[in-house]
Protein backbone atom coordinates (compact mmCIF):
# COMPACT_ATOMS: atom_id res chain seq x y z
CA UNK A 1 10.21 -6.22 16.55
CA UNK A 2 7.75 -8.69 18.06
CA UNK A 3 5.18 -7.67 20.67
CA UNK A 4 3.17 -10.13 22.73
CA UNK A 5 -0.43 -8.88 22.77
CA UNK A 6 -1.56 -10.17 19.38
CA UNK A 7 -3.78 -13.19 18.85
CA UNK A 8 -1.63 -15.05 16.34
CA UNK A 9 -4.65 -17.09 15.21
CA UNK A 10 -6.60 -14.01 14.19
CA UNK A 11 -4.12 -11.81 12.37
CA UNK A 12 -5.15 -9.73 9.38
CA UNK A 13 -3.53 -11.30 6.34
CA UNK A 14 -3.35 -7.98 4.50
CA UNK A 15 -2.91 -4.54 6.05
CA UNK A 16 -3.23 -1.41 3.90
CA UNK A 17 -2.07 1.97 5.18
CA UNK A 18 -2.74 5.46 3.83
CA UNK A 19 0.42 7.31 4.84
CA UNK A 20 -1.12 10.70 5.61
CA UNK A 21 0.00 13.73 7.58
CA UNK A 22 3.58 14.38 6.45
CA UNK A 23 2.87 17.98 5.48
CA UNK A 24 1.05 18.79 8.72
CA UNK A 25 3.83 17.13 10.72
CA UNK A 26 6.33 19.50 9.10
CA UNK A 27 4.11 22.57 9.44
CA UNK A 28 3.69 21.99 13.20
CA UNK A 29 7.48 22.16 13.50
CA UNK A 30 8.01 25.13 11.21
CA UNK A 31 9.67 22.94 8.60
CA UNK A 32 9.13 22.68 4.83
CA UNK A 33 6.67 20.01 3.69
CA UNK A 34 9.52 18.04 2.15
CA UNK A 35 10.96 17.51 5.64
CA UNK A 36 7.73 15.79 6.58
CA UNK A 37 7.93 13.53 3.54
CA UNK A 38 11.48 12.48 4.43
CA UNK A 39 10.47 11.81 8.03
CA UNK A 40 7.49 9.80 6.82
CA UNK A 41 9.70 7.78 4.48
CA UNK A 42 11.96 6.90 7.41
CA UNK A 43 8.94 5.37 9.15
CA UNK A 44 8.20 2.96 6.29
CA UNK A 45 10.86 0.45 7.28
CA UNK A 46 9.75 0.45 10.94
CA UNK A 47 6.19 -0.48 9.99
CA UNK A 48 7.28 -2.98 7.33
CA UNK A 49 9.62 -4.73 9.77
CA UNK A 50 6.88 -4.94 12.37
CA UNK A 51 4.46 -6.55 9.91
CA UNK A 52 7.13 -8.96 8.68
CA UNK A 53 8.14 -9.99 12.20
CA UNK A 54 4.57 -10.51 13.40
CA UNK A 55 3.23 -12.75 10.66
CA UNK A 56 1.33 -10.29 8.48
CA UNK A 57 1.38 -11.66 4.93
CA UNK A 58 0.77 -8.50 2.87
CA UNK A 59 1.45 -4.82 3.56
CA UNK A 60 0.30 -2.18 1.08
CA UNK A 61 1.35 1.44 1.54
CA UNK A 62 -0.26 4.34 -0.32
CA UNK A 63 2.73 6.46 -1.28
CA UNK A 64 1.57 8.66 -4.19
CA UNK A 65 -1.88 8.92 -5.72
CA UNK A 66 -2.91 9.90 -9.22
CA UNK A 67 -4.39 13.04 -7.62
CA UNK A 68 -1.08 14.02 -6.00
CA UNK A 69 0.13 15.43 -9.34
CA UNK A 70 -2.11 18.42 -8.50
CA UNK A 71 0.24 19.47 -5.72
CA UNK A 72 2.75 22.29 -6.33
CA UNK A 73 5.44 21.19 -8.77
CA UNK A 74 8.33 21.76 -6.31
CA UNK A 75 6.66 19.38 -3.84
CA UNK A 76 6.01 16.74 -6.53
CA UNK A 77 9.62 17.04 -7.71
CA UNK A 78 10.84 16.62 -4.13
CA UNK A 79 8.67 13.53 -3.67
CA UNK A 80 10.11 11.86 -6.75
CA UNK A 81 13.62 12.82 -5.67
CA UNK A 82 12.82 11.03 -2.41
CA UNK A 83 11.48 8.00 -4.30
CA UNK A 84 14.73 7.82 -6.28
CA UNK A 85 16.77 7.84 -3.09
CA UNK A 86 14.65 5.16 -1.42
CA UNK A 87 14.52 2.97 -4.53
CA UNK A 88 18.28 2.74 -4.98
CA UNK A 89 18.27 -0.91 -4.04
CA UNK A 90 16.29 -3.62 -2.33
CA UNK A 91 18.29 -3.53 0.91
CA UNK A 92 17.53 0.16 1.33
CA UNK A 93 13.88 -0.84 1.57
CA UNK A 94 13.92 -3.97 3.70
CA UNK A 95 17.30 -4.29 5.37
CA UNK A 96 17.91 -7.95 6.24
CA UNK A 97 14.27 -9.03 5.88
CA UNK A 98 13.63 -10.82 2.60
CA UNK A 99 10.25 -10.45 0.91
CA UNK A 100 8.53 -9.85 -2.40
CA UNK A 101 8.25 -6.16 -3.30
CA UNK A 102 5.61 -4.99 -5.79
CA UNK A 103 4.91 -1.51 -7.11
CA UNK A 104 1.25 -1.02 -7.94
CA UNK A 105 -0.12 1.84 -9.99
CA UNK A 106 0.29 3.34 -13.44
CA UNK A 107 4.01 3.48 -14.12
CA UNK A 108 3.59 5.13 -17.54
CA UNK A 109 4.29 8.77 -16.52
CA UNK A 110 7.18 7.90 -14.20
CA UNK A 111 10.75 8.66 -15.22
CA UNK A 112 12.81 5.93 -16.87
CA UNK A 113 15.27 5.73 -13.97
CA UNK A 114 12.48 5.23 -11.42
CA UNK A 115 10.85 2.57 -13.61
CA UNK A 116 14.21 0.85 -14.00
CA UNK A 117 14.76 0.80 -10.22
CA UNK A 118 11.26 -0.55 -9.65
CA UNK A 119 11.79 -3.34 -12.17
CA UNK A 120 15.15 -4.30 -10.67
CA UNK A 121 13.73 -4.46 -7.14
CA UNK A 122 10.68 -6.47 -8.25
CA UNK A 123 12.82 -8.93 -10.20
CA UNK A 124 15.38 -9.31 -7.42
CA UNK A 125 12.77 -9.73 -4.69
CA UNK A 126 10.75 -12.33 -6.63
CA UNK A 127 13.17 -14.99 -5.37
CA UNK A 128 11.84 -14.46 -1.83
CA UNK A 129 8.26 -15.62 -2.42
CA UNK A 130 8.95 -18.47 0.00
CA UNK A 131 9.09 -16.00 2.91
CA UNK A 132 5.33 -15.47 2.59
CA UNK A 133 5.52 -11.67 2.92
CA UNK A 134 4.60 -9.25 0.13
CA UNK A 135 5.29 -5.53 0.40
CA UNK A 136 3.30 -3.33 -2.01
CA UNK A 137 4.06 0.31 -2.75
CA UNK A 138 1.19 2.18 -4.42
CA UNK A 139 2.84 4.85 -6.56
CA UNK A 140 0.79 6.87 -9.05
CA UNK A 141 -2.12 4.74 -7.92
CA UNK A 142 -5.80 5.57 -8.27
CA UNK A 143 -8.42 2.91 -7.65
CA UNK A 144 -10.93 4.26 -10.18
CA UNK A 145 -8.24 4.24 -12.86
CA UNK A 146 -7.30 0.71 -11.81
CA UNK A 147 -10.89 -0.48 -12.22
CA UNK A 148 -11.21 1.23 -15.61
CA UNK A 149 -8.00 -0.46 -16.75
CA UNK A 150 -9.34 -3.82 -15.57
CA UNK A 151 -12.61 -3.33 -17.46
CA UNK A 152 -10.78 -2.32 -20.64
CA UNK A 153 -8.45 -5.32 -20.44
CA UNK A 154 -11.40 -7.69 -20.01
CA UNK A 155 -13.40 -5.98 -22.78
CA UNK A 156 -10.47 -6.43 -25.16
CA UNK A 157 -10.38 -10.15 -24.37
CA UNK A 158 -14.11 -10.39 -25.11
CA UNK A 159 -13.59 -8.51 -28.38
CA UNK A 160 -10.76 -10.86 -29.37
CA UNK A 161 -12.86 -13.91 -28.58
CA UNK A 162 -10.60 -15.04 -25.72
CA UNK A 163 -13.48 -15.06 -23.22
CA UNK A 164 -17.28 -14.85 -23.22
CA UNK A 165 -19.22 -12.10 -21.46
CA UNK A 166 -20.73 -14.70 -19.14
CA UNK A 167 -17.21 -15.64 -18.02
CA UNK A 168 -16.84 -12.28 -16.28
CA UNK A 169 -17.17 -12.52 -12.51
CA UNK A 170 -15.64 -10.97 -9.39
CA UNK A 171 -12.57 -13.16 -9.57
CA UNK A 172 -11.86 -12.19 -13.16
CA UNK A 173 -12.04 -8.51 -12.33
CA UNK A 174 -9.81 -9.03 -9.28
CA UNK A 175 -7.33 -10.93 -11.44
CA UNK A 176 -6.98 -7.88 -13.70
CA UNK A 177 -6.26 -5.42 -10.89
CA UNK A 178 -2.76 -4.39 -9.79
CA UNK A 179 -3.22 -6.54 -6.68
CA UNK A 180 -3.89 -9.75 -8.61
CA UNK A 181 -3.03 -12.90 -6.69
CA UNK A 182 -3.18 -11.19 -3.29
CA UNK A 183 -5.90 -11.33 -0.61
CA UNK A 184 -8.07 -8.26 -0.19
CA UNK A 185 -7.08 -6.04 2.73
CA UNK A 186 -8.54 -7.14 6.04
CA UNK A 187 -7.54 -3.93 7.78
CA UNK A 188 -7.04 -0.43 6.39
CA UNK A 189 -5.33 2.13 8.61
CA UNK A 190 -5.27 5.88 8.09
CA UNK A 191 -3.23 8.07 10.43
CA UNK A 192 -3.65 11.88 10.55
CA UNK A 193 -7.26 12.14 11.74
CA UNK A 194 -8.80 12.15 8.26
CA UNK A 195 -11.60 9.62 7.79
CA UNK A 196 -11.82 8.80 4.10
CA UNK A 197 -10.13 6.30 1.79
CA UNK A 198 -9.08 8.73 -0.97
CA UNK A 199 -9.50 6.48 -4.02
CA UNK A 200 -7.45 3.67 -2.47
CA UNK A 201 -8.27 -0.01 -3.10
CA UNK A 202 -11.98 0.66 -3.65
CA UNK A 203 -12.79 -2.73 -5.20
CA UNK A 204 -10.56 -4.62 -2.79
CA UNK A 205 -11.93 -2.99 0.38
CA UNK A 206 -15.55 -4.18 0.08
CA UNK A 207 -15.28 -6.01 3.42
CA UNK A 208 -12.25 -4.29 4.90
CA UNK A 209 -12.21 -3.12 8.51
CA UNK A 210 -11.14 0.53 8.89
CA UNK A 211 -9.09 2.08 11.67
CA UNK A 212 -8.42 5.81 11.97
CA UNK A 213 -5.79 7.44 14.15
CA UNK A 214 -5.23 11.11 14.98
CA UNK A 215 -1.46 10.56 14.99
CA UNK A 216 0.35 11.89 11.92
CA UNK A 217 2.14 9.30 9.79
CA UNK A 218 5.75 10.26 10.72
CA UNK A 219 4.88 9.65 14.39
CA UNK A 220 2.81 6.50 13.80
CA UNK A 221 4.77 3.75 15.56
CA UNK A 222 4.63 -0.06 15.39
CA UNK A 223 3.00 0.03 18.84
CA UNK A 224 0.20 2.15 17.37
CA UNK A 225 -0.22 -0.30 14.51
CA UNK A 226 -0.44 -3.09 17.07
CA UNK A 227 -3.25 -1.19 18.79
CA UNK A 228 -5.09 -1.09 15.45
CA UNK A 229 -4.60 -4.83 14.97
CA UNK A 230 -5.86 -5.58 18.50
CA UNK A 231 -9.00 -3.54 17.83
CA UNK A 232 -9.43 -5.40 14.54
CA UNK A 233 -9.20 -8.70 16.41
CA UNK A 234 -12.00 -7.61 18.73
CA UNK A 235 -14.43 -6.92 15.89
CA UNK A 236 -16.98 -9.40 14.54
CA UNK A 237 -16.54 -9.60 10.78
CA UNK A 238 -19.85 -10.81 9.33
CA UNK A 239 -19.22 -10.25 5.60
CA UNK A 240 -22.89 -9.35 5.08
CA UNK A 241 -24.20 -12.14 7.31
CA UNK A 242 -25.64 -11.99 10.83
């Protein structure tokens, strides 16, 4: 799935996407919200394949936030049923494209079978680091919680005498986040018309470029993602300079 309009010398290394609009997609069609979630899940592979084929190094998808537990229980149950189906095996996620898969977020409240599937996929996919593509799923992810966890982990190391307070810098905090070892997102995309980041990658997005689309996630195509990348390539990223 390779298109020709991209400047291959100015690609975003890391694209993050807030997959929003599944419920509204279903409502517009008189369908239950779960139908929108299933349709949105079907779109994941299309977008992942496009990124893989076009030289993007990291793709992070926001699948389930720590705030999503507030949704009606039947909807939450349906979402985790969907996760179980999609996490059956690595090939169900990526087809014939080999890459590293990481699940970021607090796994503690997740069911044992989901945690087992996540671990198996992460361990199996670790052999494909040489492909240069990392696919992150943010499940039960909240950026404020992530930062708190990072601070607590670092504070414990100070308490135990492993590090000094003056050792703490941006890199150390980044190294204690779920996204350790990965570049910060260059481009964050949110379909659905909403213009907020919803507690997603707050620390990591200090210099991220944002792109918003009115198209709902289930209808958000690789061509639309390419449009976002082209707009990104036309921007002048100054990182606080002039």
